[in-house]
Amino acid sequence: MDDSIDEEVISGGSTVTVEFSGGAETLFGGVKEHIVPLDGSKIVLLEEMLRWLRDNLLTGDPNLFLQDHSVRPGILVMINDTDWDLMGETEYILQPGDHILFISTLHGG
């Protein structure tokens, strides 16, 4: 993932719901659910949303959420209740109304 944003723009007051669970919410100020407006934004791919989340909502250590421009191992990602592996992972094109769930399976020991 490079730092350039796709020039395609989603508009029309669209939003995506982003939810954090299993402890991942602690990296985002303890807030479990965020509504991310896409109106006028240049967020198109899930890859771009990860960067947006890092730059705009992440309050914890970025290394606990991201690794090599993707989510780190141990964080499951569900797109509309489907494993992101089946949806194209970071190349998934966001759709208005999508629900993106990040579940941490990382536990201290």
PDB file of N, CA and C in Angstrom:
ATOM      1  N   MET A   1       0.858  -1.171   0.000  1.00  0.00           N
ATOM      2  CA  MET A   1       0.000   0.000   0.000  1.00  0.00           C
ATOM      3  C   MET A   1       0.901   1.229   0.000  1.00  0.00           C
ATOM      4  N   ASP A   2       0.781   2.060  -1.019  1.00  0.00           N
ATOM      5  CA  ASP A   2       1.537   3.307  -1.000  1.00  0.00           C
ATOM      6  C   ASP A   2       0.674   4.379  -0.356  1.00  0.00           C
ATOM      7  N   ASP A   3       1.220   5.554  -0.149  1.00  0.00           N
ATOM      8  CA  ASP A   3       0.480   6.594   0.552  1.00  0.00           C
ATOM      9  C   ASP A   3      -0.358   7.465  -0.369  1.00  0.00           C
ATOM     10  N   SER A   4      -0.456   7.121  -1.648  1.00  0.00           N
ATOM     11  CA  SER A   4      -1.322   7.893  -2.534  1.00  0.00           C
ATOM     12  C   SER A   4      -2.746   7.362  -2.400  1.00  0.00           C
ATOM     13  N   ILE A   5      -3.693   8.261  -2.477  1.00  0.00           N
ATOM     14  CA  ILE A   5      -5.108   7.895  -2.351  1.00  0.00           C
ATOM     15  C   ILE A   5      -5.703   7.789  -3.745  1.00  0.00           C
ATOM     16  N   ASP A   6      -6.505   6.759  -3.946  1.00  0.00           N
ATOM     17  CA  ASP A   6      -7.204   6.579  -5.209  1.00  0.00           C
ATOM     18  C   ASP A   6      -8.000   7.845  -5.525  1.00  0.00           C
ATOM     19  N   GLU A   7      -8.004   8.268  -6.759  1.00  0.00           N
ATOM     20  CA  GLU A   7      -8.674   9.507  -7.145  1.00  0.00           C
ATOM     21  C   GLU A   7     -10.187   9.358  -7.242  1.00  0.00           C
ATOM     22  N   GLU A   8     -10.681   8.111  -7.275  1.00  0.00           N
ATOM     23  CA  GLU A   8     -12.125   7.917  -7.321  1.00  0.00           C
ATOM     24  C   GLU A   8     -12.738   8.416  -6.016  1.00  0.00           C
ATOM     25  N   VAL A   9     -13.887   9.048  -6.100  1.00  0.00           N
ATOM     26  CA  VAL A   9     -14.526   9.627  -4.913  1.00  0.00           C
ATOM     27  C   VAL A   9     -15.909   9.011  -4.732  1.00  0.00           C
ATOM     28  N   ILE A  10     -16.188   8.571  -3.510  1.00  0.00           N
ATOM     29  CA  ILE A  10     -17.537   8.125  -3.169  1.00  0.00           C
ATOM     30  C   ILE A  10     -18.278   9.327  -2.624  1.00  0.00           C
ATOM     31  N   SER A  11     -19.483   9.557  -3.099  1.00  0.00           N
ATOM     32  CA  SER A  11     -20.228  10.725  -2.628  1.00  0.00           C
ATOM     33  C   SER A  11     -21.673  10.359  -2.340  1.00  0.00           C
ATOM     34  N   GLY A  12     -22.458  11.342  -1.959  1.00  0.00           N
ATOM     35  CA  GLY A  12     -23.880  11.151  -1.744  1.00  0.00           C
ATOM     36  C   GLY A  12     -24.259  10.885  -0.303  1.00  0.00           C
ATOM     37  N   GLY A  13     -23.450  11.312   0.663  1.00  0.00           N
ATOM     38  CA  GLY A  13     -23.801  11.126   2.062  1.00  0.00           C
ATOM     39  C   GLY A  13     -23.626   9.703   2.549  1.00  0.00           C
ATOM     40  N   SER A  14     -22.820   8.928   1.890  1.00  0.00           N
ATOM     41  CA  SER A  14     -22.622   7.526   2.230  1.00  0.00           C
ATOM     42  C   SER A  14     -21.761   7.366   3.468  1.00  0.00           C
ATOM     43  N   THR A  15     -22.017   6.295   4.206  1.00  0.00           N
ATOM     44  CA  THR A  15     -21.214   5.980   5.377  1.00  0.00           C
ATOM     45  C   THR A  15     -20.894   4.493   5.408  1.00  0.00           C
ATOM     46  N   VAL A  16     -19.876   4.172   6.175  1.00  0.00           N
ATOM     47  CA  VAL A  16     -19.485   2.805   6.483  1.00  0.00           C
ATOM     48  C   VAL A  16     -19.406   2.716   7.998  1.00  0.00           C
ATOM     49  N   THR A  17     -19.905   1.630   8.555  1.00  0.00           N
ATOM     50  CA  THR A  17     -19.800   1.406   9.993  1.00  0.00           C
ATOM     51  C   THR A  17     -18.561   0.573  10.257  1.00  0.00           C
ATOM     52  N   VAL A  18     -17.733   1.056  11.171  1.00  0.00           N
ATOM     53  CA  VAL A  18     -16.524   0.340  11.562  1.00  0.00           C
ATOM     54  C   VAL A  18     -16.673  -0.021  13.036  1.00  0.00           C
ATOM     55  N   GLU A  19     -16.477  -1.299  13.345  1.00  0.00           N
ATOM     56  CA  GLU A  19     -16.636  -1.771  14.716  1.00  0.00           C
ATOM     57  C   GLU A  19     -15.366  -2.492  15.160  1.00  0.00           C
ATOM     58  N   PHE A  20     -15.030  -2.310  16.431  1.00  0.00           N
ATOM     59  CA  PHE A  20     -13.857  -2.945  17.020  1.00  0.00           C
ATOM     60  C   PHE A  20     -14.303  -3.797  18.196  1.00  0.00           C
ATOM     61  N   SER A  21     -13.729  -5.007  18.311  1.00  0.00           N
ATOM     62  CA  SER A  21     -14.140  -5.931  19.364  1.00  0.00           C
ATOM     63  C   SER A  21     -12.932  -6.745  19.833  1.00  0.00           C
ATOM     64  N   GLY A  22     -13.120  -7.466  20.923  1.00  0.00           N
ATOM     65  CA  GLY A  22     -12.070  -8.343  21.433  1.00  0.00           C
ATOM     66  C   GLY A  22     -10.877  -7.609  22.010  1.00  0.00           C
ATOM     67  N   GLY A  23     -11.049  -6.340  22.319  1.00  0.00           N
ATOM     68  CA  GLY A  23      -9.963  -5.521  22.845  1.00  0.00           C
ATOM     69  C   GLY A  23      -9.406  -4.536  21.835  1.00  0.00           C
ATOM     70  N   ALA A  24      -9.705  -4.716  20.554  1.00  0.00           N
ATOM     71  CA  ALA A  24      -9.209  -3.790  19.529  1.00  0.00           C
ATOM     72  C   ALA A  24      -9.723  -2.372  19.771  1.00  0.00           C
ATOM     73  N   GLU A  25     -10.882  -2.270  20.429  1.00  0.00           N
ATOM     74  CA  GLU A  25     -11.454  -0.944  20.690  1.00  0.00           C
ATOM     75  C   GLU A  25     -10.560  -0.106  21.590  1.00  0.00           C
ATOM     76  N   THR A  26      -9.710  -0.732  22.409  1.00  0.00           N
ATOM     77  CA  THR A  26      -8.811   0.035  23.283  1.00  0.00           C
ATOM     78  C   THR A  26      -7.819   0.861  22.480  1.00  0.00           C
ATOM     79  N   LEU A  27      -7.547   0.445  21.246  1.00  0.00           N
ATOM     80  CA  LEU A  27      -6.642   1.198  20.373  1.00  0.00           C
ATOM     81  C   LEU A  27      -7.333   2.409  19.750  1.00  0.00           C
ATOM     82  N   PHE A  28      -8.656   2.476  19.912  1.00  0.00           N
ATOM     83  CA  PHE A  28      -9.454   3.544  19.309  1.00  0.00           C
ATOM     84  C   PHE A  28     -10.243   4.281  20.381  1.00  0.00           C
ATOM     85  N   GLY A  29      -9.573   4.573  21.476  1.00  0.00           N
ATOM     86  CA  GLY A  29     -10.163   5.359  22.548  1.00  0.00           C
ATOM     87  C   GLY A  29     -11.272   4.661  23.310  1.00  0.00           C
ATOM     88  N   GLY A  30     -11.331   3.335  23.225  1.00  0.00           N
ATOM     89  CA  GLY A  30     -12.349   2.580  23.927  1.00  0.00           C
ATOM     90  C   GLY A  30     -13.715   2.615  23.262  1.00  0.00           C
ATOM     91  N   VAL A  31     -13.796   3.239  22.096  1.00  0.00           N
ATOM     92  CA  VAL A  31     -15.070   3.346  21.374  1.00  0.00           C
ATOM     93  C   VAL A  31     -15.193   2.139  20.441  1.00  0.00           C
ATOM     94  N   LYS A  32     -16.272   1.396  20.597  1.00  0.00           N
ATOM     95  CA  LYS A  32     -16.443   0.162  19.824  1.00  0.00           C
ATOM     96  C   LYS A  32     -16.936   0.393  18.398  1.00  0.00           C
ATOM     97  N   GLU A  33     -17.740   1.418  18.190  1.00  0.00           N
ATOM     98  CA  GLU A  33     -18.329   1.618  16.866  1.00  0.00           C
ATOM     99  C   GLU A  33     -18.136   3.053  16.386  1.00  0.00           C
ATOM    100  N   HIS A  34     -17.766   3.172  15.139  1.00  0.00           N
ATOM    101  CA  HIS A  34     -17.579   4.479  14.510  1.00  0.00           C
ATOM    102  C   HIS A  34     -18.341   4.483  13.182  1.00  0.00           C
ATOM    103  N   ILE A  35     -18.978   5.583  12.882  1.00  0.00           N
ATOM    104  CA  ILE A  35     -19.598   5.786  11.573  1.00  0.00           C
ATOM    105  C   ILE A  35     -18.632   6.646  10.769  1.00  0.00           C
ATOM    106  N   VAL A  36     -18.130   6.093   9.678  1.00  0.00           N
ATOM    107  CA  VAL A  36     -17.143   6.792   8.858  1.00  0.00           C
ATOM    108  C   VAL A  36     -17.850   7.368   7.632  1.00  0.00           C
ATOM    109  N   PRO A  37     -17.900   8.689   7.526  1.00  0.00           N
ATOM    110  CA  PRO A  37     -18.549   9.299   6.359  1.00  0.00           C
ATOM    111  C   PRO A  37     -17.673   9.154   5.117  1.00  0.00           C
ATOM    112  N   LEU A  38     -18.295   8.755   4.042  1.00  0.00           N
ATOM    113  CA  LEU A  38     -17.567   8.647   2.777  1.00  0.00           C
ATOM    114  C   LEU A  38     -17.892   9.796   1.848  1.00  0.00           C
ATOM    115  N   ASP A  39     -18.852  10.619   2.220  1.00  0.00           N
ATOM    116  CA  ASP A  39     -19.282  11.723   1.383  1.00  0.00           C
ATOM    117  C   ASP A  39     -18.110  12.650   1.084  1.00  0.00           C
ATOM    118  N   GLY A  40     -17.725  12.704  -0.166  1.00  0.00           N
ATOM    119  CA  GLY A  40     -16.654  13.595  -0.578  1.00  0.00           C
ATOM    120  C   GLY A  40     -15.262  13.104  -0.233  1.00  0.00           C
ATOM    121  N   SER A  41     -15.173  11.929   0.387  1.00  0.00           N
ATOM    122  CA  SER A  41     -13.840  11.437   0.743  1.00  0.00           C
ATOM    123  C   SER A  41     -13.223  10.691  -0.432  1.00  0.00           C
ATOM    124  N   LYS A  42     -11.972  10.387  -0.286  1.00  0.00           N
ATOM    125  CA  LYS A  42     -11.289   9.618  -1.312  1.00  0.00           C
ATOM    126  C   LYS A  42     -11.020   8.198  -0.821  1.00  0.00           C
ATOM    127  N   ILE A  43     -11.782   7.771   0.202  1.00  0.00           N
ATOM    128  CA  ILE A  43     -11.671   6.400   0.675  1.00  0.00           C
ATOM    129  C   ILE A  43     -12.480   5.522  -0.269  1.00  0.00           C
ATOM    130  N   VAL A  44     -11.823   4.609  -0.940  1.00  0.00           N
ATOM    131  CA  VAL A  44     -12.497   3.707  -1.860  1.00  0.00           C
ATOM    132  C   VAL A  44     -12.169   2.264  -1.502  1.00  0.00           C
ATOM    133  N   LEU A  45     -10.896   1.969  -1.318  1.00  0.00           N
ATOM    134  CA  LEU A  45     -10.467   0.613  -0.975  1.00  0.00           C
ATOM    135  C   LEU A  45     -10.350   0.472   0.534  1.00  0.00           C
ATOM    136  N   LEU A  46     -10.527  -0.747   1.024  1.00  0.00           N
ATOM    137  CA  LEU A  46     -10.338  -1.001   2.444  1.00  0.00           C
ATOM    138  C   LEU A  46      -8.921  -0.606   2.864  1.00  0.00           C
ATOM    139  N   GLU A  47      -7.971  -0.786   1.976  1.00  0.00           N
ATOM    140  CA  GLU A  47      -6.586  -0.361   2.215  1.00  0.00           C
ATOM    141  C   GLU A  47      -6.526   1.129   2.574  1.00  0.00           C
ATOM    142  N   GLU A  48      -7.280   1.941   1.881  1.00  0.00           N
ATOM    143  CA  GLU A  48      -7.306   3.378   2.146  1.00  0.00           C
ATOM    144  C   GLU A  48      -8.023   3.686   3.448  1.00  0.00           C
ATOM    145  N   MET A  49      -9.038   2.876   3.779  1.00  0.00           N
ATOM    146  CA  MET A  49      -9.718   3.083   5.044  1.00  0.00           C
ATOM    147  C   MET A  49      -8.786   2.762   6.216  1.00  0.00           C
ATOM    148  N   LEU A  50      -7.955   1.739   6.085  1.00  0.00           N
ATOM    149  CA  LEU A  50      -7.001   1.417   7.149  1.00  0.00           C
ATOM    150  C   LEU A  50      -6.089   2.608   7.417  1.00  0.00           C
ATOM    151  N   ARG A  51      -5.625   3.245   6.368  1.00  0.00           N
ATOM    152  CA  ARG A  51      -4.775   4.422   6.511  1.00  0.00           C
ATOM    153  C   ARG A  51      -5.562   5.567   7.162  1.00  0.00           C
ATOM    154  N   TRP A  52      -6.824   5.740   6.752  1.00  0.00           N
ATOM    155  CA  TRP A  52      -7.670   6.784   7.330  1.00  0.00           C
ATOM    156  C   TRP A  52      -7.906   6.513   8.814  1.00  0.00           C
ATOM    157  N   LEU A  53      -8.186   5.269   9.168  1.00  0.00           N
ATOM    158  CA  LEU A  53      -8.379   4.918  10.575  1.00  0.00           C
ATOM    159  C   LEU A  53      -7.124   5.244  11.382  1.00  0.00           C
ATOM    160  N   ARG A  54      -5.965   4.889  10.841  1.00  0.00           N
ATOM    161  CA  ARG A  54      -4.690   5.184  11.509  1.00  0.00           C
ATOM    162  C   ARG A  54      -4.514   6.681  11.730  1.00  0.00           C
ATOM    163  N   ASP A  55      -4.809   7.458  10.716  1.00  0.00           N
ATOM    164  CA  ASP A  55      -4.559   8.901  10.781  1.00  0.00           C
ATOM    165  C   ASP A  55      -5.623   9.686  11.545  1.00  0.00           C
ATOM    166  N   ASN A  56      -6.838   9.160  11.648  1.00  0.00           N
ATOM    167  CA  ASN A  56      -7.945   9.933  12.202  1.00  0.00           C
ATOM    168  C   ASN A  56      -8.566   9.389  13.482  1.00  0.00           C
ATOM    169  N   LEU A  57      -8.516   8.088  13.714  1.00  0.00           N
ATOM    170  CA  LEU A  57      -9.197   7.530  14.874  1.00  0.00           C
ATOM    171  C   LEU A  57      -8.286   6.786  15.850  1.00  0.00           C
ATOM    172  N   LEU A  58      -7.191   6.268  15.378  1.00  0.00           N
ATOM    173  CA  LEU A  58      -6.306   5.457  16.217  1.00  0.00           C
ATOM    174  C   LEU A  58      -5.673   6.312  17.308  1.00  0.00           C
ATOM    175  N   THR A  59      -5.853   5.887  18.560  1.00  0.00           N
ATOM    176  CA  THR A  59      -5.257   6.602  19.692  1.00  0.00           C
ATOM    177  C   THR A  59      -4.150   5.783  20.345  1.00  0.00           C
ATOM    178  N   GLY A  60      -4.110   4.488  20.060  1.00  0.00           N
ATOM    179  CA  GLY A  60      -3.090   3.609  20.619  1.00  0.00           C
ATOM    180  C   GLY A  60      -1.912   3.460  19.681  1.00  0.00           C
ATOM    181  N   ASP A  61      -1.053   2.511  20.005  1.00  0.00           N
ATOM    182  CA  ASP A  61       0.143   2.223  19.217  1.00  0.00           C
ATOM    183  C   ASP A  61      -0.253   1.656  17.848  1.00  0.00           C
ATOM    184  N   PRO A  62       0.104   2.327  16.755  1.00  0.00           N
ATOM    185  CA  PRO A  62      -0.262   1.833  15.423  1.00  0.00           C
ATOM    186  C   PRO A  62       0.263   0.430  15.140  1.00  0.00           C
ATOM    187  N   ASN A  63       1.393   0.069  15.752  1.00  0.00           N
ATOM    188  CA  ASN A  63       1.973  -1.257  15.518  1.00  0.00           C
ATOM    189  C   ASN A  63       1.138  -2.384  16.110  1.00  0.00           C
ATOM    190  N   LEU A  64       0.218  -2.046  16.997  1.00  0.00           N
ATOM    191  CA  LEU A  64      -0.668  -3.062  17.553  1.00  0.00           C
ATOM    192  C   LEU A  64      -1.892  -3.301  16.673  1.00  0.00           C
ATOM    193  N   PHE A  65      -2.088  -2.437  15.674  1.00  0.00           N
ATOM    194  CA  PHE A  65      -3.212  -2.576  14.751  1.00  0.00           C
ATOM    195  C   PHE A  65      -2.757  -2.881  13.330  1.00  0.00           C
ATOM    196  N   LEU A  66      -1.710  -2.223  12.884  1.00  0.00           N
ATOM    197  CA  LEU A  66      -1.249  -2.369  11.503  1.00  0.00           C
ATOM    198  C   LEU A  66       0.148  -2.961  11.434  1.00  0.00           C
ATOM    199  N   GLN A  67       0.374  -3.718  10.380  1.00  0.00           N
ATOM    200  CA  GLN A  67       1.701  -4.250  10.090  1.00  0.00           C
ATOM    201  C   GLN A  67       1.842  -4.354   8.577  1.00  0.00           C
ATOM    202  N   ASP A  68       2.885  -3.761   8.037  1.00  0.00           N
ATOM    203  CA  ASP A  68       3.118  -3.791   6.590  1.00  0.00           C
ATOM    204  C   ASP A  68       1.890  -3.345   5.796  1.00  0.00           C
ATOM    205  N   HIS A  69       1.259  -2.260   6.235  1.00  0.00           N
ATOM    206  CA  HIS A  69       0.142  -1.635   5.523  1.00  0.00           C
ATOM    207  C   HIS A  69      -1.121  -2.495   5.480  1.00  0.00           C
ATOM    208  N   SER A  70      -1.247  -3.441   6.386  1.00  0.00           N
ATOM    209  CA  SER A  70      -2.452  -4.245   6.532  1.00  0.00           C
ATOM    210  C   SER A  70      -2.695  -4.408   8.025  1.00  0.00           C
ATOM    211  N   VAL A  71      -3.755  -5.098   8.411  1.00  0.00           N
ATOM    212  CA  VAL A  71      -3.932  -5.355   9.835  1.00  0.00           C
ATOM    213  C   VAL A  71      -2.927  -6.410  10.260  1.00  0.00           C
ATOM    214  N   ARG A  72      -2.478  -6.310  11.495  1.00  0.00           N
ATOM    215  CA  ARG A  72      -1.469  -7.257  11.960  1.00  0.00           C
ATOM    216  C   ARG A  72      -2.100  -8.627  12.176  1.00  0.00           C
ATOM    217  N   PRO A  73      -1.291  -9.673  12.096  1.00  0.00           N
ATOM    218  CA  PRO A  73      -1.804 -11.010  12.390  1.00  0.00           C
ATOM    219  C   PRO A  73      -2.419 -11.037  13.789  1.00  0.00           C
ATOM    220  N   GLY A  74      -3.509 -11.744  13.940  1.00  0.00           N
ATOM    221  CA  GLY A  74      -4.201 -11.802  15.212  1.00  0.00           C
ATOM    222  C   GLY A  74      -5.412 -10.895  15.270  1.00  0.00           C
ATOM    223  N   ILE A  75      -5.629 -10.118  14.219  1.00  0.00           N
ATOM    224  CA  ILE A  75      -6.843  -9.309  14.126  1.00  0.00           C
ATOM    225  C   ILE A  75      -7.655  -9.834  12.952  1.00  0.00           C
ATOM    226  N   LEU A  76      -8.832 -10.360  13.275  1.00  0.00           N
ATOM    227  CA  LEU A  76      -9.741 -10.846  12.235  1.00  0.00           C
ATOM    228  C   LEU A  76     -10.517  -9.672  11.673  1.00  0.00           C
ATOM    229  N   VAL A  77     -10.753  -9.699  10.380  1.00  0.00           N
ATOM    230  CA  VAL A  77     -11.523  -8.638   9.729  1.00  0.00           C
ATOM    231  C   VAL A  77     -12.708  -9.284   9.029  1.00  0.00           C
ATOM    232  N   MET A  78     -13.884  -8.765   9.350  1.00  0.00           N
ATOM    233  CA  MET A  78     -15.114  -9.230   8.727  1.00  0.00           C
ATOM    234  C   MET A  78     -15.730  -8.066   7.951  1.00  0.00           C
ATOM    235  N   ILE A  79     -16.137  -8.336   6.724  1.00  0.00           N
ATOM    236  CA  ILE A  79     -16.818  -7.352   5.893  1.00  0.00           C
ATOM    237  C   ILE A  79     -18.241  -7.858   5.703  1.00  0.00           C
ATOM    238  N   ASN A  80     -19.197  -7.162   6.298  1.00  0.00           N
ATOM    239  CA  ASN A  80     -20.600  -7.589   6.218  1.00  0.00           C
ATOM    240  C   ASN A  80     -20.752  -9.057   6.613  1.00  0.00           C
ATOM    241  N   ASP A  81     -20.120  -9.427   7.728  1.00  0.00           N
ATOM    242  CA  ASP A  81     -20.174 -10.775   8.304  1.00  0.00           C
ATOM    243  C   ASP A  81     -19.474 -11.840   7.464  1.00  0.00           C
ATOM    244  N   THR A  82     -18.611 -11.439   6.541  1.00  0.00           N
ATOM    245  CA  THR A  82     -17.850 -12.383   5.721  1.00  0.00           C
ATOM    246  C   THR A  82     -16.370 -12.124   5.920  1.00  0.00           C
ATOM    247  N   ASP A  83     -15.591 -13.196   6.089  1.00  0.00           N
ATOM    248  CA  ASP A  83     -14.152 -13.073   6.275  1.00  0.00           C
ATOM    249  C   ASP A  83     -13.552 -12.291   5.107  1.00  0.00           C
ATOM    250  N   TRP A  84     -12.714 -11.320   5.432  1.00  0.00           N
ATOM    251  CA  TRP A  84     -12.171 -10.462   4.381  1.00  0.00           C
ATOM    252  C   TRP A  84     -11.294 -11.224   3.412  1.00  0.00           C
ATOM    253  N   ASP A  85     -10.783 -12.396   3.787  1.00  0.00           N
ATOM    254  CA  ASP A  85     -10.012 -13.233   2.857  1.00  0.00           C
ATOM    255  C   ASP A  85     -10.843 -13.576   1.621  1.00  0.00           C
ATOM    256  N   LEU A  86     -12.145 -13.709   1.807  1.00  0.00           N
ATOM    257  CA  LEU A  86     -13.045 -14.049   0.703  1.00  0.00           C
ATOM    258  C   LEU A  86     -13.494 -12.823  -0.083  1.00  0.00           C
ATOM    259  N   MET A  87     -13.179 -11.637   0.435  1.00  0.00           N
ATOM    260  CA  MET A  87     -13.665 -10.392  -0.157  1.00  0.00           C
ATOM    261  C   MET A  87     -12.560  -9.574  -0.835  1.00  0.00           C
ATOM    262  N   GLY A  88     -11.326 -10.072  -0.822  1.00  0.00           N
ATOM    263  CA  GLY A  88     -10.236  -9.347  -1.473  1.00  0.00           C
ATOM    264  C   GLY A  88      -9.319  -8.604  -0.516  1.00  0.00           C
ATOM    265  N   GLU A  89      -9.526  -8.795   0.779  1.00  0.00           N
ATOM    266  CA  GLU A  89      -8.706  -8.154   1.809  1.00  0.00           C
ATOM    267  C   GLU A  89      -8.601  -6.649   1.573  1.00  0.00           C
ATOM    268  N   THR A  90      -7.389  -6.106   1.520  1.00  0.00           N
ATOM    269  CA  THR A  90      -7.210  -4.657   1.418  1.00  0.00           C
ATOM    270  C   THR A  90      -7.689  -4.089   0.083  1.00  0.00           C
ATOM    271  N   GLU A  91      -7.882  -4.936  -0.914  1.00  0.00           N
ATOM    272  CA  GLU A  91      -8.331  -4.476  -2.231  1.00  0.00           C
ATOM    273  C   GLU A  91      -9.851  -4.417  -2.350  1.00  0.00           C
ATOM    274  N   TYR A  92     -10.555  -4.749  -1.266  1.00  0.00           N
ATOM    275  CA  TYR A  92     -12.016  -4.687  -1.286  1.00  0.00           C
ATOM    276  C   TYR A  92     -12.468  -3.244  -1.524  1.00  0.00           C
ATOM    277  N   ILE A  93     -13.400  -3.056  -2.439  1.00  0.00           N
ATOM    278  CA  ILE A  93     -13.943  -1.731  -2.737  1.00  0.00           C
ATOM    279  C   ILE A  93     -15.121  -1.485  -1.801  1.00  0.00           C
ATOM    280  N   LEU A  94     -14.997  -0.478  -0.958  1.00  0.00           N
ATOM    281  CA  LEU A  94     -16.035  -0.157   0.019  1.00  0.00           C
ATOM    282  C   LEU A  94     -17.331   0.243  -0.668  1.00  0.00           C
ATOM    283  N   GLN A  95     -18.430  -0.206  -0.067  1.00  0.00           N
ATOM    284  CA  GLN A  95     -19.760   0.115  -0.562  1.00  0.00           C
ATOM    285  C   GLN A  95     -20.504   0.878   0.529  1.00  0.00           C
ATOM    286  N   PRO A  96     -21.330   1.843   0.176  1.00  0.00           N
ATOM    287  CA  PRO A  96     -22.125   2.536   1.190  1.00  0.00           C
ATOM    288  C   PRO A  96     -22.920   1.533   2.024  1.00  0.00           C
ATOM    289  N   GLY A  97     -22.883   1.725   3.338  1.00  0.00           N
ATOM    290  CA  GLY A  97     -23.602   0.845   4.245  1.00  0.00           C
ATOM    291  C   GLY A  97     -22.827  -0.369   4.711  1.00  0.00           C
ATOM    292  N   ASP A  98     -21.605  -0.549   4.215  1.00  0.00           N
ATOM    293  CA  ASP A  98     -20.792  -1.683   4.663  1.00  0.00           C
ATOM    294  C   ASP A  98     -20.584  -1.640   6.167  1.00  0.00           C
ATOM    295  N   HIS A  99     -20.415  -2.835   6.751  1.00  0.00           N
ATOM    296  CA  HIS A  99     -20.086  -2.976   8.166  1.00  0.00           C
ATOM    297  C   HIS A  99     -18.759  -3.718   8.226  1.00  0.00           C
ATOM    298  N   ILE A 100     -17.730  -3.037   8.724  1.00  0.00           N
ATOM    299  CA  ILE A 100     -16.389  -3.611   8.822  1.00  0.00           C
ATOM    300  C   ILE A 100     -16.109  -3.867  10.301  1.00  0.00           C
ATOM    301  N   LEU A 101     -15.832  -5.116  10.652  1.00  0.00           N
ATOM    302  CA  LEU A 101     -15.601  -5.504  12.035  1.00  0.00           C
ATOM    303  C   LEU A 101     -14.171  -5.991  12.198  1.00  0.00           C
ATOM    304  N   PHE A 102     -13.458  -5.419  13.164  1.00  0.00           N
ATOM    305  CA  PHE A 102     -12.104  -5.834  13.507  1.00  0.00           C
ATOM    306  C   PHE A 102     -12.171  -6.513  14.871  1.00  0.00           C
ATOM    307  N   ILE A 103     -11.765  -7.785  14.940  1.00  0.00           N
ATOM    308  CA  ILE A 103     -11.801  -8.555  16.184  1.00  0.00           C
ATOM    309  C   ILE A 103     -10.378  -8.946  16.555  1.00  0.00           C
ATOM    310  N   SER A 104      -9.920  -8.481  17.702  1.00  0.00           N
ATOM    311  CA  SER A 104      -8.601  -8.851  18.170  1.00  0.00           C
ATOM    312  C   SER A 104      -8.657 -10.233  18.807  1.00  0.00           C
ATOM    313  N   THR A 105      -7.732 -11.090  18.408  1.00  0.00           N
ATOM    314  CA  THR A 105      -7.594 -12.394  19.039  1.00  0.00           C
ATOM    315  C   THR A 105      -6.296 -12.452  19.829  1.00  0.00           C
ATOM    316  N   LEU A 106      -5.661 -11.288  19.996  1.00  0.00           N
ATOM    317  CA  LEU A 106      -4.386 -11.194  20.720  1.00  0.00           C
ATOM    318  C   LEU A 106      -4.662 -11.120  22.211  1.00  0.00           C
ATOM    319  N   HIS A 107      -4.018 -11.965  22.952  1.00  0.00           N
ATOM    320  CA  HIS A 107      -4.210 -11.980  24.404  1.00  0.00           C
ATOM    321  C   HIS A 107      -2.857 -12.029  25.080  1.00  0.00           C
ATOM    322  N   GLY A 108      -2.717 -11.280  26.141  1.00  0.00           N
ATOM    323  CA  GLY A 108      -1.487 -11.327  26.917  1.00  0.00           C
ATOM    324  C   GLY A 108      -1.395 -12.649  27.667  1.00  0.00           C
ATOM    325  N   GLY A 109      -0.207 -13.012  28.032  1.00  0.00           N
ATOM    326  CA  GLY A 109      -0.066 -14.296  28.701  1.00  0.00           C
ATOM    327  C   GLY A 109       0.983 -14.225  29.694  1.00  0.00           C
TER     328      GLY A 109
END
